[in-house]
Protein backbone atom coordinates (compact mmCIF):
# COMPACT_ATOMS: atom_id res chain seq x y z
CA UNK A 1 0.00 0.00 0.00
CA UNK A 2 1.39 3.35 -1.05
CA UNK A 3 1.46 5.68 1.99
CA UNK A 4 1.27 8.84 -0.15
CA UNK A 5 -1.87 7.53 -1.83
CA UNK A 6 -3.48 6.72 1.52
CA UNK A 7 -2.58 10.11 2.99
CA UNK A 8 -4.14 11.89 0.02
CA UNK A 9 -7.48 10.78 1.51
CA UNK A 10 -6.76 12.14 4.98
CA UNK A 11 -10.20 13.79 5.26
CA UNK A 12 -11.93 10.46 4.73
CA UNK A 13 -9.68 8.74 7.27
CA UNK A 14 -10.36 11.55 9.76
CA UNK A 15 -14.12 11.31 9.18
CA UNK A 16 -14.09 7.53 9.72
CA UNK A 17 -12.14 8.00 12.95
CA UNK A 18 -14.60 10.67 14.08
CA UNK A 19 -17.53 8.37 13.26
CA UNK A 20 -15.99 5.63 15.42
CA UNK A 21 -15.62 8.10 18.31
CA UNK A 22 -19.17 9.33 17.78
CA UNK A 23 -20.49 5.78 18.04
CA UNK A 24 -18.29 4.80 20.97
CA UNK A 25 -18.99 7.90 23.06
CA UNK A 26 -22.52 8.75 21.84
CA UNK A 27 -21.45 12.13 20.43
CA UNK A 28 -24.43 13.44 18.50
CA UNK A 29 -22.55 16.67 17.88
CA UNK A 30 -20.26 14.85 15.44
CA UNK A 31 -23.24 13.44 13.52
CA UNK A 32 -24.62 16.98 13.33
CA UNK A 33 -21.33 18.17 11.87
CA UNK A 34 -21.43 15.34 9.32
CA UNK A 35 -24.95 16.33 8.25
CA UNK A 36 -23.97 19.98 7.87
CA UNK A 37 -20.84 18.98 5.96
CA UNK A 38 -22.91 16.84 3.58
CA UNK A 39 -25.35 19.70 3.05
CA UNK A 40 -22.53 22.14 2.37
CA UNK A 41 -20.70 19.77 -0.02
CA UNK A 42 -23.91 18.99 -1.89
CA UNK A 43 -24.58 22.72 -2.30
CA UNK A 44 -21.05 23.29 -3.53
CA UNK A 45 -21.21 20.42 -6.03
CA UNK A 46 -24.79 21.25 -7.10
CA UNK A 47 -25.72 17.59 -6.80
CA UNK A 48 -26.80 15.34 -3.98
CA UNK A 49 -26.71 11.60 -3.60
CA UNK A 50 -29.64 10.41 -1.53
CA UNK A 51 -30.51 6.89 -2.69
CA UNK A 52 -29.86 8.16 -6.22
CA UNK A 53 -28.01 11.10 -7.76
CA UNK A 54 -30.06 14.31 -7.79
CA UNK A 55 -28.73 17.29 -9.74
CA UNK A 56 -29.81 20.85 -9.02
CA UNK A 57 -30.41 21.76 -12.66
CA UNK A 58 -32.62 18.71 -13.33
CA UNK A 59 -34.61 18.52 -10.07
CA UNK A 60 -34.33 21.85 -8.22
CA UNK A 61 -37.21 21.26 -5.78
CA UNK A 62 -36.05 17.80 -4.77
CA UNK A 63 -32.46 18.99 -4.50
CA UNK A 64 -33.53 21.86 -2.24
CA UNK A 65 -35.54 19.49 -0.02
CA UNK A 66 -32.52 17.21 0.36
CA UNK A 67 -30.24 20.13 1.27
CA UNK A 68 -32.75 21.48 3.79
CA UNK A 69 -33.13 18.01 5.30
CA UNK A 70 -29.35 17.68 5.79
CA UNK A 71 -29.17 21.00 7.64
CA UNK A 72 -32.30 20.29 9.71
CA UNK A 73 -31.02 16.84 10.68
CA UNK A 74 -27.71 18.41 11.68
CA UNK A 75 -29.55 20.94 13.82
CA UNK A 76 -31.59 18.18 15.46
CA UNK A 77 -28.41 16.29 16.33
CA UNK A 78 -26.97 19.46 17.89
CA UNK A 79 -30.20 19.96 19.82
CA UNK A 80 -30.20 16.36 21.09
CA UNK A 81 -26.60 16.47 22.36
CA UNK A 82 -26.55 17.55 26.02
CA UNK A 83 -22.92 18.64 25.70
CA UNK A 84 -23.99 21.52 23.48
CA UNK A 85 -26.46 22.75 26.12
CA UNK A 86 -23.87 22.36 28.87
CA UNK A 87 -21.34 24.37 26.87
CA UNK A 88 -23.69 27.28 26.18
CA UNK A 89 -25.14 27.32 29.69
CA UNK A 90 -21.62 27.55 31.15
CA UNK A 91 -20.84 30.75 29.19
PDB file of N, CA and C in Angstrom:
ATOM      1  N   UNK A   1       0.838  -1.173   0.000  1.00  0.00           N
ATOM      2  CA  UNK A   1       0.000   0.000   0.000  1.00  0.00           C
ATOM      3  C   UNK A   1       0.885   1.238   0.000  1.00  0.00           C
ATOM      4  N   UNK A   2       0.618   2.130  -0.913  1.00  0.00           N
ATOM      5  CA  UNK A   2       1.392   3.352  -1.045  1.00  0.00           C
ATOM      6  C   UNK A   2       0.917   4.375  -0.007  1.00  0.00           C
ATOM      7  N   UNK A   3       1.819   4.774   0.902  1.00  0.00           N
ATOM      8  CA  UNK A   3       1.460   5.682   1.990  1.00  0.00           C
ATOM      9  C   UNK A   3       1.024   7.052   1.468  1.00  0.00           C
ATOM     10  N   UNK A   4       1.651   7.541   0.420  1.00  0.00           N
ATOM     11  CA  UNK A   4       1.271   8.839  -0.150  1.00  0.00           C
ATOM     12  C   UNK A   4      -0.155   8.794  -0.695  1.00  0.00           C
ATOM     13  N   UNK A   5      -0.524   7.668  -1.293  1.00  0.00           N
ATOM     14  CA  UNK A   5      -1.871   7.526  -1.833  1.00  0.00           C
ATOM     15  C   UNK A   5      -2.907   7.489  -0.711  1.00  0.00           C
ATOM     16  N   UNK A   6      -2.577   6.792   0.376  1.00  0.00           N
ATOM     17  CA  UNK A   6      -3.480   6.723   1.525  1.00  0.00           C
ATOM     18  C   UNK A   6      -3.634   8.095   2.163  1.00  0.00           C
ATOM     19  N   UNK A   7      -2.533   8.811   2.334  1.00  0.00           N
ATOM     20  CA  UNK A   7      -2.576  10.114   2.994  1.00  0.00           C
ATOM     21  C   UNK A   7      -3.251  11.184   2.139  1.00  0.00           C
ATOM     22  N   UNK A   8      -3.423  10.929   0.850  1.00  0.00           N
ATOM     23  CA  UNK A   8      -4.145  11.892   0.021  1.00  0.00           C
ATOM     24  C   UNK A   8      -5.632  11.901   0.376  1.00  0.00           C
ATOM     25  N   UNK A   9      -6.079  10.882   1.068  1.00  0.00           N
ATOM     26  CA  UNK A   9      -7.482  10.781   1.506  1.00  0.00           C
ATOM     27  C   UNK A   9      -7.590  10.989   3.010  1.00  0.00           C
ATOM     28  N   UNK A  10      -6.811  11.927   3.537  1.00  0.00           N
ATOM     29  CA  UNK A  10      -6.763  12.141   4.980  1.00  0.00           C
ATOM     30  C   UNK A  10      -8.101  12.599   5.547  1.00  0.00           C
ATOM     31  N   UNK A  11      -8.897  13.334   4.761  1.00  0.00           N
ATOM     32  CA  UNK A  11     -10.196  13.789   5.256  1.00  0.00           C
ATOM     33  C   UNK A  11     -11.143  12.610   5.481  1.00  0.00           C
ATOM     34  N   UNK A  12     -11.093  11.635   4.583  1.00  0.00           N
ATOM     35  CA  UNK A  12     -11.935  10.456   4.732  1.00  0.00           C
ATOM     36  C   UNK A  12     -11.503   9.636   5.934  1.00  0.00           C
ATOM     37  N   UNK A  13     -10.194   9.482   6.117  1.00  0.00           N
ATOM     38  CA  UNK A  13      -9.679   8.741   7.270  1.00  0.00           C
ATOM     39  C   UNK A  13     -10.068   9.450   8.565  1.00  0.00           C
ATOM     40  N   UNK A  14      -9.960  10.769   8.586  1.00  0.00           N
ATOM     41  CA  UNK A  14     -10.359  11.545   9.762  1.00  0.00           C
ATOM     42  C   UNK A  14     -11.852  11.387  10.040  1.00  0.00           C
ATOM     43  N   UNK A  15     -12.678  11.442   9.002  1.00  0.00           N
ATOM     44  CA  UNK A  15     -14.125  11.305   9.178  1.00  0.00           C
ATOM     45  C   UNK A  15     -14.490   9.921   9.703  1.00  0.00           C
ATOM     46  N   UNK A  16     -13.832   8.883   9.210  1.00  0.00           N
ATOM     47  CA  UNK A  16     -14.092   7.533   9.719  1.00  0.00           C
ATOM     48  C   UNK A  16     -13.700   7.413  11.182  1.00  0.00           C
ATOM     49  N   UNK A  17     -12.573   8.008  11.548  1.00  0.00           N
ATOM     50  CA  UNK A  17     -12.144   8.000  12.947  1.00  0.00           C
ATOM     51  C   UNK A  17     -13.145   8.752  13.813  1.00  0.00           C
ATOM     52  N   UNK A  18     -13.605   9.900  13.331  1.00  0.00           N
ATOM     53  CA  UNK A  18     -14.600  10.668  14.082  1.00  0.00           C
ATOM     54  C   UNK A  18     -15.906   9.893  14.223  1.00  0.00           C
ATOM     55  N   UNK A  19     -16.308   9.168  13.189  1.00  0.00           N
ATOM     56  CA  UNK A  19     -17.529   8.368  13.260  1.00  0.00           C
ATOM     57  C   UNK A  19     -17.393   7.270  14.312  1.00  0.00           C
ATOM     58  N   UNK A  20     -16.214   6.653  14.395  1.00  0.00           N
ATOM     59  CA  UNK A  20     -15.995   5.631  15.424  1.00  0.00           C
ATOM     60  C   UNK A  20     -16.093   6.233  16.823  1.00  0.00           C
ATOM     61  N   UNK A  21     -15.508   7.412  17.021  1.00  0.00           N
ATOM     62  CA  UNK A  21     -15.617   8.096  18.313  1.00  0.00           C
ATOM     63  C   UNK A  21     -17.067   8.477  18.602  1.00  0.00           C
ATOM     64  N   UNK A  22     -17.778   8.933  17.589  1.00  0.00           N
ATOM     65  CA  UNK A  22     -19.174   9.328  17.779  1.00  0.00           C
ATOM     66  C   UNK A  22     -20.018   8.143  18.221  1.00  0.00           C
ATOM     67  N   UNK A  23     -19.759   6.987  17.644  1.00  0.00           N
ATOM     68  CA  UNK A  23     -20.495   5.782  18.036  1.00  0.00           C
ATOM     69  C   UNK A  23     -20.086   5.338  19.431  1.00  0.00           C
ATOM     70  N   UNK A  24     -18.791   5.302  19.691  1.00  0.00           N
ATOM     71  CA  UNK A  24     -18.290   4.799  20.974  1.00  0.00           C
ATOM     72  C   UNK A  24     -18.718   5.674  22.147  1.00  0.00           C
ATOM     73  N   UNK A  25     -18.729   6.990  21.953  1.00  0.00           N
ATOM     74  CA  UNK A  25     -18.993   7.904  23.064  1.00  0.00           C
ATOM     75  C   UNK A  25     -20.333   8.635  22.950  1.00  0.00           C
ATOM     76  N   UNK A  26     -21.177   8.185  22.031  1.00  0.00           N
ATOM     77  CA  UNK A  26     -22.522   8.754  21.842  1.00  0.00           C
ATOM     78  C   UNK A  26     -22.442  10.273  21.665  1.00  0.00           C
ATOM     79  N   UNK A  27     -21.649  10.703  20.709  1.00  0.00           N
ATOM     80  CA  UNK A  27     -21.449  12.126  20.430  1.00  0.00           C
ATOM     81  C   UNK A  27     -22.324  12.550  19.255  1.00  0.00           C
ATOM     82  N   UNK A  28     -23.515  13.010  19.555  1.00  0.00           N
ATOM     83  CA  UNK A  28     -24.432  13.435  18.503  1.00  0.00           C
ATOM     84  C   UNK A  28     -23.946  14.694  17.798  1.00  0.00           C
ATOM     85  N   UNK A  29     -23.119  15.468  18.477  1.00  0.00           N
ATOM     86  CA  UNK A  29     -22.550  16.674  17.882  1.00  0.00           C
ATOM     87  C   UNK A  29     -21.777  16.340  16.602  1.00  0.00           C
ATOM     88  N   UNK A  30     -21.037  15.249  16.620  1.00  0.00           N
ATOM     89  CA  UNK A  30     -20.258  14.853  15.436  1.00  0.00           C
ATOM     90  C   UNK A  30     -21.188  14.478  14.284  1.00  0.00           C
ATOM     91  N   UNK A  31     -22.291  13.775  14.582  1.00  0.00           N
ATOM     92  CA  UNK A  31     -23.243  13.436  13.520  1.00  0.00           C
ATOM     93  C   UNK A  31     -23.875  14.702  12.955  1.00  0.00           C
ATOM     94  N   UNK A  32     -24.113  15.695  13.808  1.00  0.00           N
ATOM     95  CA  UNK A  32     -24.620  16.979  13.327  1.00  0.00           C
ATOM     96  C   UNK A  32     -23.640  17.655  12.388  1.00  0.00           C
ATOM     97  N   UNK A  33     -22.358  17.602  12.749  1.00  0.00           N
ATOM     98  CA  UNK A  33     -21.331  18.172  11.869  1.00  0.00           C
ATOM     99  C   UNK A  33     -21.280  17.440  10.535  1.00  0.00           C
ATOM    100  N   UNK A  34     -21.412  16.110  10.566  1.00  0.00           N
ATOM    101  CA  UNK A  34     -21.429  15.344   9.318  1.00  0.00           C
ATOM    102  C   UNK A  34     -22.605  15.769   8.435  1.00  0.00           C
ATOM    103  N   UNK A  35     -23.779  15.921   9.030  1.00  0.00           N
ATOM    104  CA  UNK A  35     -24.951  16.330   8.245  1.00  0.00           C
ATOM    105  C   UNK A  35     -24.738  17.702   7.626  1.00  0.00           C
ATOM    106  N   UNK A  36     -24.221  18.644   8.411  1.00  0.00           N
ATOM    107  CA  UNK A  36     -23.974  19.980   7.870  1.00  0.00           C
ATOM    108  C   UNK A  36     -22.900  19.946   6.794  1.00  0.00           C
ATOM    109  N   UNK A  37     -21.882  19.116   6.972  1.00  0.00           N
ATOM    110  CA  UNK A  37     -20.838  18.984   5.960  1.00  0.00           C
ATOM    111  C   UNK A  37     -21.427  18.427   4.661  1.00  0.00           C
ATOM    112  N   UNK A  38     -22.283  17.403   4.778  1.00  0.00           N
ATOM    113  CA  UNK A  38     -22.913  16.842   3.581  1.00  0.00           C
ATOM    114  C   UNK A  38     -23.779  17.887   2.878  1.00  0.00           C
ATOM    115  N   UNK A  39     -24.535  18.643   3.655  1.00  0.00           N
ATOM    116  CA  UNK A  39     -25.350  19.697   3.054  1.00  0.00           C
ATOM    117  C   UNK A  39     -24.501  20.723   2.331  1.00  0.00           C
ATOM    118  N   UNK A  40     -23.419  21.140   2.972  1.00  0.00           N
ATOM    119  CA  UNK A  40     -22.527  22.136   2.366  1.00  0.00           C
ATOM    120  C   UNK A  40     -21.860  21.590   1.103  1.00  0.00           C
ATOM    121  N   UNK A  41     -21.357  20.362   1.154  1.00  0.00           N
ATOM    122  CA  UNK A  41     -20.696  19.770  -0.016  1.00  0.00           C
ATOM    123  C   UNK A  41     -21.675  19.550  -1.164  1.00  0.00           C
ATOM    124  N   UNK A  42     -22.906  19.154  -0.844  1.00  0.00           N
ATOM    125  CA  UNK A  42     -23.908  18.993  -1.894  1.00  0.00           C
ATOM    126  C   UNK A  42     -24.246  20.329  -2.543  1.00  0.00           C
ATOM    127  N   UNK A  43     -24.345  21.380  -1.736  1.00  0.00           N
ATOM    128  CA  UNK A  43     -24.581  22.715  -2.296  1.00  0.00           C
ATOM    129  C   UNK A  43     -23.440  23.141  -3.206  1.00  0.00           C
ATOM    130  N   UNK A  44     -22.228  22.898  -2.755  1.00  0.00           N
ATOM    131  CA  UNK A  44     -21.052  23.294  -3.526  1.00  0.00           C
ATOM    132  C   UNK A  44     -20.981  22.545  -4.857  1.00  0.00           C
ATOM    133  N   UNK A  45     -21.295  21.250  -4.822  1.00  0.00           N
ATOM    134  CA  UNK A  45     -21.213  20.419  -6.026  1.00  0.00           C
ATOM    135  C   UNK A  45     -22.456  20.530  -6.911  1.00  0.00           C
ATOM    136  N   UNK A  46     -23.518  21.123  -6.382  1.00  0.00           N
ATOM    137  CA  UNK A  46     -24.792  21.247  -7.095  1.00  0.00           C
ATOM    138  C   UNK A  46     -25.382  19.898  -7.472  1.00  0.00           C
ATOM    139  N   UNK A  47     -25.075  18.891  -6.660  1.00  0.00           N
ATOM    140  CA  UNK A  47     -25.720  17.591  -6.805  1.00  0.00           C
ATOM    141  C   UNK A  47     -25.678  16.882  -5.462  1.00  0.00           C
ATOM    142  N   UNK A  48     -26.701  16.087  -5.225  1.00  0.00           N
ATOM    143  CA  UNK A  48     -26.802  15.344  -3.975  1.00  0.00           C
ATOM    144  C   UNK A  48     -26.977  13.874  -4.310  1.00  0.00           C
ATOM    145  N   UNK A  49     -26.492  13.029  -3.432  1.00  0.00           N
ATOM    146  CA  UNK A  49     -26.712  11.598  -3.604  1.00  0.00           C
ATOM    147  C   UNK A  49     -27.484  11.123  -2.393  1.00  0.00           C
ATOM    148  N   UNK A  50     -28.765  10.892  -2.590  1.00  0.00           N
ATOM    149  CA  UNK A  50     -29.640  10.412  -1.531  1.00  0.00           C
ATOM    150  C   UNK A  50     -30.465   9.299  -2.154  1.00  0.00           C
ATOM    151  N   UNK A  51     -29.987   8.086  -2.046  1.00  0.00           N
ATOM    152  CA  UNK A  51     -30.515   6.886  -2.692  1.00  0.00           C
ATOM    153  C   UNK A  51     -30.164   6.887  -4.180  1.00  0.00           C
ATOM    154  N   UNK A  52     -30.283   8.022  -4.829  1.00  0.00           N
ATOM    155  CA  UNK A  52     -29.856   8.163  -6.220  1.00  0.00           C
ATOM    156  C   UNK A  52     -29.330   9.582  -6.423  1.00  0.00           C
ATOM    157  N   UNK A  53     -28.620   9.804  -7.489  1.00  0.00           N
ATOM    158  CA  UNK A  53     -28.013  11.103  -7.763  1.00  0.00           C
ATOM    159  C   UNK A  53     -29.099  12.100  -8.187  1.00  0.00           C
ATOM    160  N   UNK A  54     -29.114  13.235  -7.497  1.00  0.00           N
ATOM    161  CA  UNK A  54     -30.064  14.309  -7.792  1.00  0.00           C
ATOM    162  C   UNK A  54     -29.260  15.559  -8.120  1.00  0.00           C
ATOM    163  N   UNK A  55     -29.436  16.080  -9.329  1.00  0.00           N
ATOM    164  CA  UNK A  55     -28.725  17.292  -9.737  1.00  0.00           C
ATOM    165  C   UNK A  55     -29.644  18.500  -9.621  1.00  0.00           C
ATOM    166  N   UNK A  56     -29.053  19.617  -9.213  1.00  0.00           N
ATOM    167  CA  UNK A  56     -29.812  20.855  -9.015  1.00  0.00           C
ATOM    168  C   UNK A  56     -30.517  21.293 -10.289  1.00  0.00           C
ATOM    169  N   UNK A  57     -29.822  21.242 -11.423  1.00  0.00           N
ATOM    170  CA  UNK A  57     -30.412  21.762 -12.662  1.00  0.00           C
ATOM    171  C   UNK A  57     -31.557  20.889 -13.181  1.00  0.00           C
ATOM    172  N   UNK A  58     -31.570  19.601 -12.844  1.00  0.00           N
ATOM    173  CA  UNK A  58     -32.624  18.711 -13.331  1.00  0.00           C
ATOM    174  C   UNK A  58     -33.814  18.620 -12.380  1.00  0.00           C
ATOM    175  N   UNK A  59     -33.555  18.670 -11.077  1.00  0.00           N
ATOM    176  CA  UNK A  59     -34.613  18.520 -10.068  1.00  0.00           C
ATOM    177  C   UNK A  59     -34.406  19.541  -8.948  1.00  0.00           C
ATOM    178  N   UNK A  60     -34.651  20.823  -9.219  1.00  0.00           N
ATOM    179  CA  UNK A  60     -34.332  21.852  -8.221  1.00  0.00           C
ATOM    180  C   UNK A  60     -35.132  21.734  -6.920  1.00  0.00           C
ATOM    181  N   UNK A  61     -36.398  21.362  -6.998  1.00  0.00           N
ATOM    182  CA  UNK A  61     -37.213  21.263  -5.779  1.00  0.00           C
ATOM    183  C   UNK A  61     -36.731  20.106  -4.912  1.00  0.00           C
ATOM    184  N   UNK A  62     -36.522  18.958  -5.518  1.00  0.00           N
ATOM    185  CA  UNK A  62     -36.054  17.796  -4.768  1.00  0.00           C
ATOM    186  C   UNK A  62     -34.659  18.037  -4.200  1.00  0.00           C
ATOM    187  N   UNK A  63     -33.798  18.655  -4.977  1.00  0.00           N
ATOM    188  CA  UNK A  63     -32.455  18.985  -4.499  1.00  0.00           C
ATOM    189  C   UNK A  63     -32.534  19.902  -3.283  1.00  0.00           C
ATOM    190  N   UNK A  64     -33.378  20.925  -3.357  1.00  0.00           N
ATOM    191  CA  UNK A  64     -33.530  21.860  -2.241  1.00  0.00           C
ATOM    192  C   UNK A  64     -34.058  21.152  -0.999  1.00  0.00           C
ATOM    193  N   UNK A  65     -35.012  20.249  -1.165  1.00  0.00           N
ATOM    194  CA  UNK A  65     -35.537  19.494  -0.021  1.00  0.00           C
ATOM    195  C   UNK A  65     -34.456  18.630   0.626  1.00  0.00           C
ATOM    196  N   UNK A  66     -33.611  18.032  -0.179  1.00  0.00           N
ATOM    197  CA  UNK A  66     -32.524  17.212   0.363  1.00  0.00           C
ATOM    198  C   UNK A  66     -31.550  18.079   1.145  1.00  0.00           C
ATOM    199  N   UNK A  67     -31.173  19.225   0.587  1.00  0.00           N
ATOM    200  CA  UNK A  67     -30.235  20.126   1.271  1.00  0.00           C
ATOM    201  C   UNK A  67     -30.828  20.606   2.589  1.00  0.00           C
ATOM    202  N   UNK A  68     -32.092  21.023   2.553  1.00  0.00           N
ATOM    203  CA  UNK A  68     -32.746  21.477   3.786  1.00  0.00           C
ATOM    204  C   UNK A  68     -32.784  20.354   4.809  1.00  0.00           C
ATOM    205  N   UNK A  69     -33.064  19.137   4.356  1.00  0.00           N
ATOM    206  CA  UNK A  69     -33.133  18.015   5.305  1.00  0.00           C
ATOM    207  C   UNK A  69     -31.779  17.734   5.941  1.00  0.00           C
ATOM    208  N   UNK A  70     -30.673  17.875   5.194  1.00  0.00           N
ATOM    209  CA  UNK A  70     -29.346  17.680   5.793  1.00  0.00           C
ATOM    210  C   UNK A  70     -29.106  18.691   6.906  1.00  0.00           C
ATOM    211  N   UNK A  71     -29.412  19.966   6.633  1.00  0.00           N
ATOM    212  CA  UNK A  71     -29.172  21.004   7.638  1.00  0.00           C
ATOM    213  C   UNK A  71     -30.113  20.864   8.837  1.00  0.00           C
ATOM    214  N   UNK A  72     -31.363  20.491   8.593  1.00  0.00           N
ATOM    215  CA  UNK A  72     -32.302  20.294   9.706  1.00  0.00           C
ATOM    216  C   UNK A  72     -31.877  19.099  10.556  1.00  0.00           C
ATOM    217  N   UNK A  73     -31.485  18.003   9.905  1.00  0.00           N
ATOM    218  CA  UNK A  73     -31.016  16.842  10.679  1.00  0.00           C
ATOM    219  C   UNK A  73     -29.787  17.195  11.500  1.00  0.00           C
ATOM    220  N   UNK A  74     -28.878  17.970  10.923  1.00  0.00           N
ATOM    221  CA  UNK A  74     -27.706  18.411  11.676  1.00  0.00           C
ATOM    222  C   UNK A  74     -28.100  19.232  12.885  1.00  0.00           C
ATOM    223  N   UNK A  75     -29.061  20.141  12.703  1.00  0.00           N
ATOM    224  CA  UNK A  75     -29.551  20.942  13.821  1.00  0.00           C
ATOM    225  C   UNK A  75     -30.210  20.097  14.895  1.00  0.00           C
ATOM    226  N   UNK A  76     -30.947  19.078  14.486  1.00  0.00           N
ATOM    227  CA  UNK A  76     -31.587  18.184  15.457  1.00  0.00           C
ATOM    228  C   UNK A  76     -30.535  17.428  16.257  1.00  0.00           C
ATOM    229  N   UNK A  77     -29.487  16.968  15.592  1.00  0.00           N
ATOM    230  CA  UNK A  77     -28.410  16.287  16.326  1.00  0.00           C
ATOM    231  C   UNK A  77     -27.751  17.224  17.326  1.00  0.00           C
ATOM    232  N   UNK A  78     -27.526  18.484  16.940  1.00  0.00           N
ATOM    233  CA  UNK A  78     -26.970  19.458  17.888  1.00  0.00           C
ATOM    234  C   UNK A  78     -27.913  19.639  19.071  1.00  0.00           C
ATOM    235  N   UNK A  79     -29.197  19.748  18.782  1.00  0.00           N
ATOM    236  CA  UNK A  79     -30.202  19.956  19.822  1.00  0.00           C
ATOM    237  C   UNK A  79     -30.260  18.769  20.790  1.00  0.00           C
ATOM    238  N   UNK A  80     -30.093  17.563  20.258  1.00  0.00           N
ATOM    239  CA  UNK A  80     -30.199  16.359  21.089  1.00  0.00           C
ATOM    240  C   UNK A  80     -28.958  16.098  21.937  1.00  0.00           C
ATOM    241  N   UNK A  81     -27.840  16.717  21.618  1.00  0.00           N
ATOM    242  CA  UNK A  81     -26.602  16.472  22.356  1.00  0.00           C
ATOM    243  C   UNK A  81     -26.542  17.382  23.583  1.00  0.00           C
ATOM    244  N   UNK A  82     -26.569  16.788  24.764  1.00  0.00           N
ATOM    245  CA  UNK A  82     -26.551  17.553  26.016  1.00  0.00           C
ATOM    246  C   UNK A  82     -25.279  18.364  26.173  1.00  0.00           C
ATOM    247  N   UNK A  83     -24.185  17.921  25.575  1.00  0.00           N
ATOM    248  CA  UNK A  83     -22.918  18.638  25.701  1.00  0.00           C
ATOM    249  C   UNK A  83     -23.014  20.047  25.117  1.00  0.00           C
ATOM    250  N   UNK A  84     -23.811  20.205  24.084  1.00  0.00           N
ATOM    251  CA  UNK A  84     -23.990  21.525  23.476  1.00  0.00           C
ATOM    252  C   UNK A  84     -24.695  22.449  24.466  1.00  0.00           C
ATOM    253  N   UNK A  85     -25.753  21.944  25.127  1.00  0.00           N
ATOM    254  CA  UNK A  85     -26.461  22.750  26.122  1.00  0.00           C
ATOM    255  C   UNK A  85     -25.557  23.090  27.291  1.00  0.00           C
ATOM    256  N   UNK A  86     -24.777  22.115  27.750  1.00  0.00           N
ATOM    257  CA  UNK A  86     -23.870  22.360  28.874  1.00  0.00           C
ATOM    258  C   UNK A  86     -22.836  23.427  28.517  1.00  0.00           C
ATOM    259  N   UNK A  87     -22.334  23.381  27.299  1.00  0.00           N
ATOM    260  CA  UNK A  87     -21.345  24.370  26.871  1.00  0.00           C
ATOM    261  C   UNK A  87     -21.937  25.777  26.884  1.00  0.00           C
ATOM    262  N   UNK A  88     -23.110  25.940  26.265  1.00  0.00           N
ATOM    263  CA  UNK A  88     -23.693  27.276  26.175  1.00  0.00           C
ATOM    264  C   UNK A  88     -24.227  27.774  27.515  1.00  0.00           C
ATOM    265  N   UNK A  89     -24.665  26.875  28.374  1.00  0.00           N
ATOM    266  CA  UNK A  89     -25.143  27.322  29.685  1.00  0.00           C
ATOM    267  C   UNK A  89     -23.984  27.708  30.603  1.00  0.00           C
ATOM    268  N   UNK A  90     -22.780  27.209  30.318  1.00  0.00           N
ATOM    269  CA  UNK A  90     -21.625  27.551  31.148  1.00  0.00           C
ATOM    270  C   UNK A  90     -21.002  28.889  30.756  1.00  0.00           C
ATOM    271  N   UNK A  91     -21.410  29.466  29.635  1.00  0.00           N
ATOM    272  CA  UNK A  91     -20.835  30.747  29.189  1.00  0.00           C
ATOM    273  C   UNK A  91     -21.324  31.914  30.013  1.00  0.00           C
TER     274      UNK A  91
END
